[in-house]
Amino acid sequence: MAKTYRTTRVASFSTIAGITLVQTLLGAMFMLFITAYSLSRHYRGQLTVQVYLNRDVNERDVLDLKKELEGEDYSAAVDYLSPEQAADQFAKELGQDFVDVMGYNPLPASLDIHVDPAYPLKQLEADVETLKKNPRIEDVIYQKGALQQLNENVRRWGLVLGIFAGLLLVIALALISNTITLAIFSQRFLIKSMQLVGATHGFIQRPFMRRGLKYGLAGSLLAITLLALVFYLFRSELRLLAGVLGERYLFLYVIGGILITGLLVSWLSTLFAVRRFIVLKQDKLY
């Protein structure tokens, strides 16, 4: 009896330790993925398309155009800059009033379109070309090189992170499943004994399912504790990053992902492992 108790304790400890290790790696991956996605949205949100208007466009047409642009899917906000405001800004940057020197203001009115971070960058390029054909618009300037580079980086790093996350998730599922299967393996004779006295499959599975959920919960909570310690050690850097990205609930997302993954995988792994030993023939137990 004492030997069986020690074996059960060792199996339980090994299972929880394995789940904790895997869940910690998954949590770090969740955090990296969310951070990369937030960084992409942050920098895409800095993109601005500058629309320079023809000089013969009156103020009513400018306001109509501004309203039209605000209704476009790619537009998060539109700012109007009059020729006088543009001249004042340029004079501040130049350090002198160039209008007095030249005798006139050469700067046209403009509209600054702040691009919606969720809008596809490839589609934005086509929309900009369409804008240039508008008779009220003299020119459209945007950071095409930076836009293309950002688009390529998002696609490249998204693919790399997606592949890495997929591989890590498969490995995590396999490790948790194997760990729980090994823990239940030590109970295979108990399962067969319960079957011999007439216990139903549901009655046999029930205590193992509860135990599997406890393993998943314990491993997930330990993983969350380890990640919380990492967050605490690097709290200054992470607080600055969260402030820049606007993701002030970053750790809550990670906690949710760890708990859901740990409980779901542990439950499914326990279910399949118990059923495997239930249908296993007695001569295969040894």
Protein backbone atom coordinates (compact mmCIF):
# COMPACT_ATOMS: atom_id res chain seq x y z
CA MET A 1 0.00 0.00 0.00
CA ALA A 2 2.82 2.40 0.92
CA LYS A 3 4.63 1.56 -2.31
CA THR A 4 1.48 2.21 -4.36
CA TYR A 5 0.96 5.53 -2.56
CA ARG A 6 4.54 6.58 -3.27
CA THR A 7 4.18 5.56 -6.91
CA THR A 8 0.98 7.58 -7.23
CA ARG A 9 2.61 10.62 -5.63
CA VAL A 10 5.63 10.37 -7.94
CA ALA A 11 3.37 10.02 -10.99
CA SER A 12 1.27 12.99 -9.88
CA PHE A 13 4.34 15.13 -9.26
CA SER A 14 5.86 14.17 -12.62
CA THR A 15 2.61 14.93 -14.42
CA ILE A 16 2.19 18.35 -12.82
CA ALA A 17 5.86 19.19 -13.40
CA GLY A 18 5.59 18.22 -17.07
CA ILE A 19 2.44 20.25 -17.56
CA THR A 20 4.02 23.22 -15.78
CA LEU A 21 7.07 23.16 -18.05
CA VAL A 22 5.03 22.89 -21.21
CA GLN A 23 2.54 25.53 -20.10
CA THR A 24 5.35 27.94 -19.23
CA LEU A 25 6.77 27.58 -22.74
CA LEU A 26 3.31 28.01 -24.23
CA GLY A 27 2.70 31.08 -22.07
CA ALA A 28 5.96 32.63 -23.25
CA MET A 29 4.89 31.88 -26.81
CA PHE A 30 1.48 33.46 -26.22
CA MET A 31 3.17 36.57 -24.85
CA LEU A 32 5.58 36.77 -27.80
CA PHE A 33 2.77 36.33 -30.32
CA ILE A 34 0.54 38.98 -28.70
CA THR A 35 3.48 41.40 -28.46
CA ALA A 36 4.44 40.89 -32.11
CA TYR A 37 0.83 41.40 -33.22
CA SER A 38 0.50 44.53 -31.07
CA LEU A 39 3.78 45.95 -32.38
CA SER A 40 2.59 45.40 -35.92
CA ARG A 41 -0.69 47.23 -35.21
CA HIS A 42 1.18 50.01 -33.40
CA TYR A 43 3.52 50.78 -36.29
CA ARG A 44 0.78 50.36 -38.87
CA GLY A 45 -1.22 52.87 -36.86
CA GLN A 46 1.57 55.42 -37.38
CA LEU A 47 1.09 55.40 -41.15
CA THR A 48 -0.24 58.65 -42.57
CA VAL A 49 -1.29 59.42 -46.13
CA GLN A 50 -0.86 63.09 -47.04
CA VAL A 51 -3.33 64.38 -49.62
CA TYR A 52 -2.38 67.74 -51.22
CA LEU A 53 -5.31 69.63 -52.73
CA ASN A 54 -5.50 71.74 -55.87
CA ARG A 55 -5.36 75.47 -55.22
CA ASP A 56 -8.64 76.16 -56.99
CA VAL A 57 -10.59 73.85 -54.65
CA ASN A 58 -12.90 75.90 -52.43
CA GLU A 59 -13.47 75.28 -48.75
CA ARG A 60 -16.81 73.53 -49.27
CA ASP A 61 -15.22 71.00 -51.63
CA VAL A 62 -12.43 70.45 -49.10
CA LEU A 63 -14.93 69.69 -46.34
CA ASP A 64 -16.88 67.36 -48.65
CA LEU A 65 -13.70 65.51 -49.55
CA LYS A 66 -12.71 65.28 -45.89
CA LYS A 67 -16.09 63.76 -45.07
CA GLU A 68 -15.74 61.28 -47.95
CA LEU A 69 -12.29 60.19 -46.79
CA GLU A 70 -13.48 59.78 -43.20
CA GLY A 71 -16.03 57.26 -44.47
CA GLU A 72 -13.43 55.09 -46.20
CA ASP A 73 -12.53 51.73 -44.66
CA TYR A 74 -8.82 52.57 -44.51
CA SER A 75 -9.36 55.84 -42.66
CA ALA A 76 -9.12 56.00 -38.87
CA ALA A 77 -9.13 59.83 -38.79
CA VAL A 78 -8.60 62.75 -41.19
CA ASP A 79 -6.96 66.06 -40.25
CA TYR A 80 -7.33 69.21 -42.37
CA LEU A 81 -4.36 71.54 -42.70
CA SER A 82 -5.01 74.90 -44.33
CA PRO A 83 -2.29 76.71 -46.36
CA GLU A 84 -1.86 79.19 -43.50
CA GLN A 85 -1.44 76.43 -40.92
CA ALA A 86 1.03 74.63 -43.19
CA ALA A 87 3.02 77.86 -43.61
CA ASP A 88 3.11 78.43 -39.84
CA GLN A 89 4.38 74.89 -39.21
CA PHE A 90 7.02 75.17 -41.94
CA ALA A 91 8.13 78.56 -40.63
CA LYS A 92 8.63 77.10 -37.14
CA GLU A 93 10.71 74.26 -38.55
CA LEU A 94 12.69 76.62 -40.80
CA GLY A 95 13.20 79.23 -38.10
CA GLN A 96 12.02 82.18 -40.20
CA ASP A 97 8.92 83.41 -42.00
CA PHE A 98 9.52 82.35 -45.60
CA VAL A 99 6.19 83.87 -46.74
CA ASP A 100 7.55 87.39 -46.11
CA VAL A 101 10.70 86.49 -48.04
CA MET A 102 8.89 84.97 -51.04
CA GLY A 103 5.96 87.34 -50.96
CA TYR A 104 3.37 84.53 -51.21
CA ASN A 105 2.48 81.19 -49.66
CA PRO A 106 3.40 78.30 -52.01
CA LEU A 107 2.01 75.59 -49.73
CA PRO A 108 -1.35 74.05 -50.64
CA ALA A 109 -4.07 72.85 -48.29
CA SER A 110 -3.77 69.20 -47.32
CA LEU A 111 -5.59 66.36 -45.63
CA ASP A 112 -3.71 63.91 -43.43
CA ILE A 113 -5.31 60.45 -43.42
CA HIS A 114 -4.42 58.32 -40.40
CA VAL A 115 -4.60 54.74 -41.63
CA ASP A 116 -6.65 52.17 -39.73
CA PRO A 117 -4.13 49.62 -38.30
CA ALA A 118 -6.44 46.73 -39.19
CA TYR A 119 -6.67 47.69 -42.87
CA PRO A 120 -4.74 45.46 -45.34
CA LEU A 121 -1.58 47.23 -46.45
CA LYS A 122 -1.66 45.76 -49.95
CA GLN A 123 -5.16 47.14 -50.51
CA LEU A 124 -4.05 50.54 -49.23
CA GLU A 125 -1.59 50.89 -52.11
CA ALA A 126 -4.42 50.41 -54.62
CA ASP A 127 -6.58 52.93 -52.73
CA VAL A 128 -3.80 55.52 -52.87
CA GLU A 129 -3.54 55.12 -56.64
CA THR A 130 -7.30 55.67 -56.87
CA LEU A 131 -7.01 58.83 -54.75
CA LYS A 132 -4.46 60.31 -57.16
CA LYS A 133 -7.08 60.25 -59.93
CA ASN A 134 -9.44 62.52 -57.96
CA PRO A 135 -9.67 65.92 -59.78
CA ARG A 136 -9.66 67.82 -56.46
CA ILE A 137 -6.33 66.29 -55.48
CA GLU A 138 -2.99 67.53 -56.76
CA ASP A 139 -0.77 64.84 -55.22
CA VAL A 140 -0.78 62.02 -52.69
CA ILE A 141 2.31 61.25 -50.64
CA TYR A 142 2.76 58.33 -48.31
CA GLN A 143 5.65 56.26 -47.00
CA LYS A 144 5.59 53.71 -49.78
CA GLY A 145 9.01 52.27 -49.01
CA ALA A 146 8.25 51.99 -45.31
CA LEU A 147 4.82 50.60 -46.12
CA GLN A 148 6.24 47.88 -48.36
CA GLN A 149 8.95 47.03 -45.84
CA LEU A 150 6.40 46.84 -43.03
CA ASN A 151 4.13 44.67 -45.16
CA GLU A 152 6.98 42.27 -45.91
CA ASN A 153 8.09 42.15 -42.27
CA VAL A 154 4.55 41.48 -41.04
CA ARG A 155 4.11 38.67 -43.57
CA ARG A 156 7.56 37.16 -42.91
CA TRP A 157 7.47 37.30 -39.12
CA GLY A 158 3.82 36.28 -39.04
CA LEU A 159 4.71 33.14 -41.00
CA VAL A 160 7.71 32.36 -38.80
CA LEU A 161 5.77 32.89 -35.57
CA GLY A 162 2.81 30.92 -36.92
CA ILE A 163 4.99 27.91 -37.82
CA PHE A 164 6.88 28.08 -34.54
CA ALA A 165 3.67 28.43 -32.52
CA GLY A 166 2.12 25.49 -34.38
CA LEU A 167 5.13 23.26 -33.75
CA LEU A 168 5.30 24.25 -30.10
CA LEU A 169 1.59 23.59 -29.66
CA VAL A 170 1.88 20.12 -31.24
CA ILE A 171 4.88 19.32 -29.02
CA ALA A 172 3.03 20.62 -25.99
CA LEU A 173 -0.03 18.50 -26.74
CA ALA A 174 2.12 15.42 -27.25
CA LEU A 175 4.11 15.97 -24.04
CA ILE A 176 1.06 16.60 -21.88
CA SER A 177 -0.75 13.63 -23.43
CA ASN A 178 2.20 11.29 -22.91
CA THR A 179 2.76 12.52 -19.36
CA ILE A 180 -0.86 11.90 -18.38
CA THR A 181 -0.87 8.54 -20.19
CA LEU A 182 2.18 7.43 -18.20
CA ALA A 183 0.50 8.55 -14.98
CA ILE A 184 -2.61 6.49 -15.79
CA PHE A 185 -0.46 3.55 -16.91
CA SER A 186 0.39 2.87 -13.28
CA GLN A 187 -3.35 2.57 -12.59
CA ARG A 188 -4.12 0.12 -15.41
CA PHE A 189 -4.62 -2.85 -13.09
CA LEU A 190 -7.02 -0.80 -10.95
CA ILE A 191 -9.03 0.04 -14.08
CA LYS A 192 -9.28 -3.64 -15.02
CA SER A 193 -10.23 -4.58 -11.47
CA MET A 194 -13.07 -2.05 -11.55
CA GLN A 195 -14.26 -3.52 -14.83
CA LEU A 196 -14.24 -7.04 -13.37
CA VAL A 197 -16.61 -6.02 -10.56
CA GLY A 198 -19.04 -4.52 -13.08
CA ALA A 199 -18.13 -0.80 -13.05
CA THR A 200 -19.38 1.13 -16.08
CA HIS A 201 -17.06 3.09 -18.34
CA GLY A 202 -18.45 6.38 -17.06
CA PHE A 203 -17.95 5.36 -13.43
CA ILE A 204 -14.32 4.36 -14.15
CA GLN A 205 -13.55 7.52 -16.11
CA ARG A 206 -15.05 9.99 -13.64
CA PRO A 207 -12.32 10.02 -10.94
CA PHE A 208 -9.55 10.03 -13.55
CA MET A 209 -11.17 12.94 -15.37
CA ARG A 210 -11.35 14.94 -12.14
CA ARG A 211 -7.73 14.11 -11.43
CA GLY A 212 -6.72 15.11 -14.96
CA LEU A 213 -8.42 18.49 -14.56
CA LYS A 214 -6.66 18.96 -11.22
CA TYR A 215 -3.33 18.19 -12.89
CA GLY A 216 -4.08 20.68 -15.66
CA LEU A 217 -5.18 23.36 -13.21
CA ALA A 218 -2.20 22.84 -10.90
CA GLY A 219 0.29 22.86 -13.79
CA SER A 220 -1.30 25.94 -15.34
CA LEU A 221 -1.29 27.85 -12.04
CA LEU A 222 2.37 27.00 -11.48
CA ALA A 223 3.19 28.12 -15.02
CA ILE A 224 1.30 31.37 -14.45
CA THR A 225 3.27 31.87 -11.22
CA LEU A 226 6.58 31.41 -13.05
CA LEU A 227 5.57 33.83 -15.79
CA ALA A 228 4.32 36.31 -13.18
CA LEU A 229 7.77 36.16 -11.61
CA VAL A 230 9.32 36.94 -15.00
CA PHE A 231 6.88 39.83 -15.44
CA TYR A 232 7.83 41.14 -12.01
CA LEU A 233 11.57 40.95 -12.69
CA PHE A 234 11.16 42.84 -15.97
CA ARG A 235 8.22 44.98 -14.88
CA SER A 236 9.80 48.29 -15.93
CA GLU A 237 10.49 47.19 -19.49
CA LEU A 238 7.14 45.47 -19.87
CA ARG A 239 5.24 48.42 -18.42
CA LEU A 240 6.89 50.70 -20.99
CA LEU A 241 6.09 48.25 -23.80
CA ALA A 242 2.47 47.89 -22.68
CA GLY A 243 2.13 51.67 -22.53
CA VAL A 244 3.44 52.06 -26.08
CA LEU A 245 1.26 49.30 -27.49
CA GLY A 246 -1.82 50.10 -25.46
CA GLU A 247 -2.00 46.44 -24.35
CA ARG A 248 -2.37 47.01 -20.62
CA TYR A 249 -4.03 43.63 -20.17
CA LEU A 250 -1.28 41.63 -21.86
CA PHE A 251 -0.72 39.31 -18.91
CA LEU A 252 -4.46 38.65 -18.57
CA TYR A 253 -4.52 37.37 -22.16
CA VAL A 254 -1.61 35.07 -21.38
CA ILE A 255 -3.31 33.78 -18.20
CA GLY A 256 -6.49 33.04 -20.12
CA GLY A 257 -4.60 31.20 -22.85
CA ILE A 258 -2.65 29.09 -20.35
CA LEU A 259 -5.70 28.12 -18.29
CA ILE A 260 -7.82 27.21 -21.30
CA THR A 261 -5.04 25.21 -22.94
CA GLY A 262 -4.02 23.43 -19.73
CA LEU A 263 -7.54 22.38 -18.73
CA LEU A 264 -8.67 21.42 -22.23
CA VAL A 265 -5.56 19.41 -23.14
CA SER A 266 -5.43 17.68 -19.75
CA TRP A 267 -9.12 16.74 -19.97
CA LEU A 268 -8.84 15.37 -23.51
CA SER A 269 -5.57 13.55 -22.80
CA THR A 270 -7.04 11.91 -19.68
CA LEU A 271 -10.19 10.92 -21.57
CA PHE A 272 -8.27 9.21 -24.38
CA ALA A 273 -5.78 7.57 -22.01
CA VAL A 274 -8.46 6.09 -19.76
CA ARG A 275 -10.48 4.82 -22.71
CA ARG A 276 -7.35 3.24 -24.11
CA PHE A 277 -6.79 1.17 -20.97
CA ILE A 278 -10.50 0.38 -20.62
CA VAL A 279 -10.62 -1.33 -24.02
CA LEU A 280 -7.16 -2.88 -23.60
CA LYS A 281 -7.21 -6.66 -23.36
CA GLN A 282 -6.03 -8.13 -20.10
CA ASP A 283 -3.09 -10.00 -21.65
CA LYS A 284 -1.75 -6.65 -22.93
CA LEU A 285 -1.49 -5.13 -19.43
CA TYR A 286 1.82 -6.83 -18.66
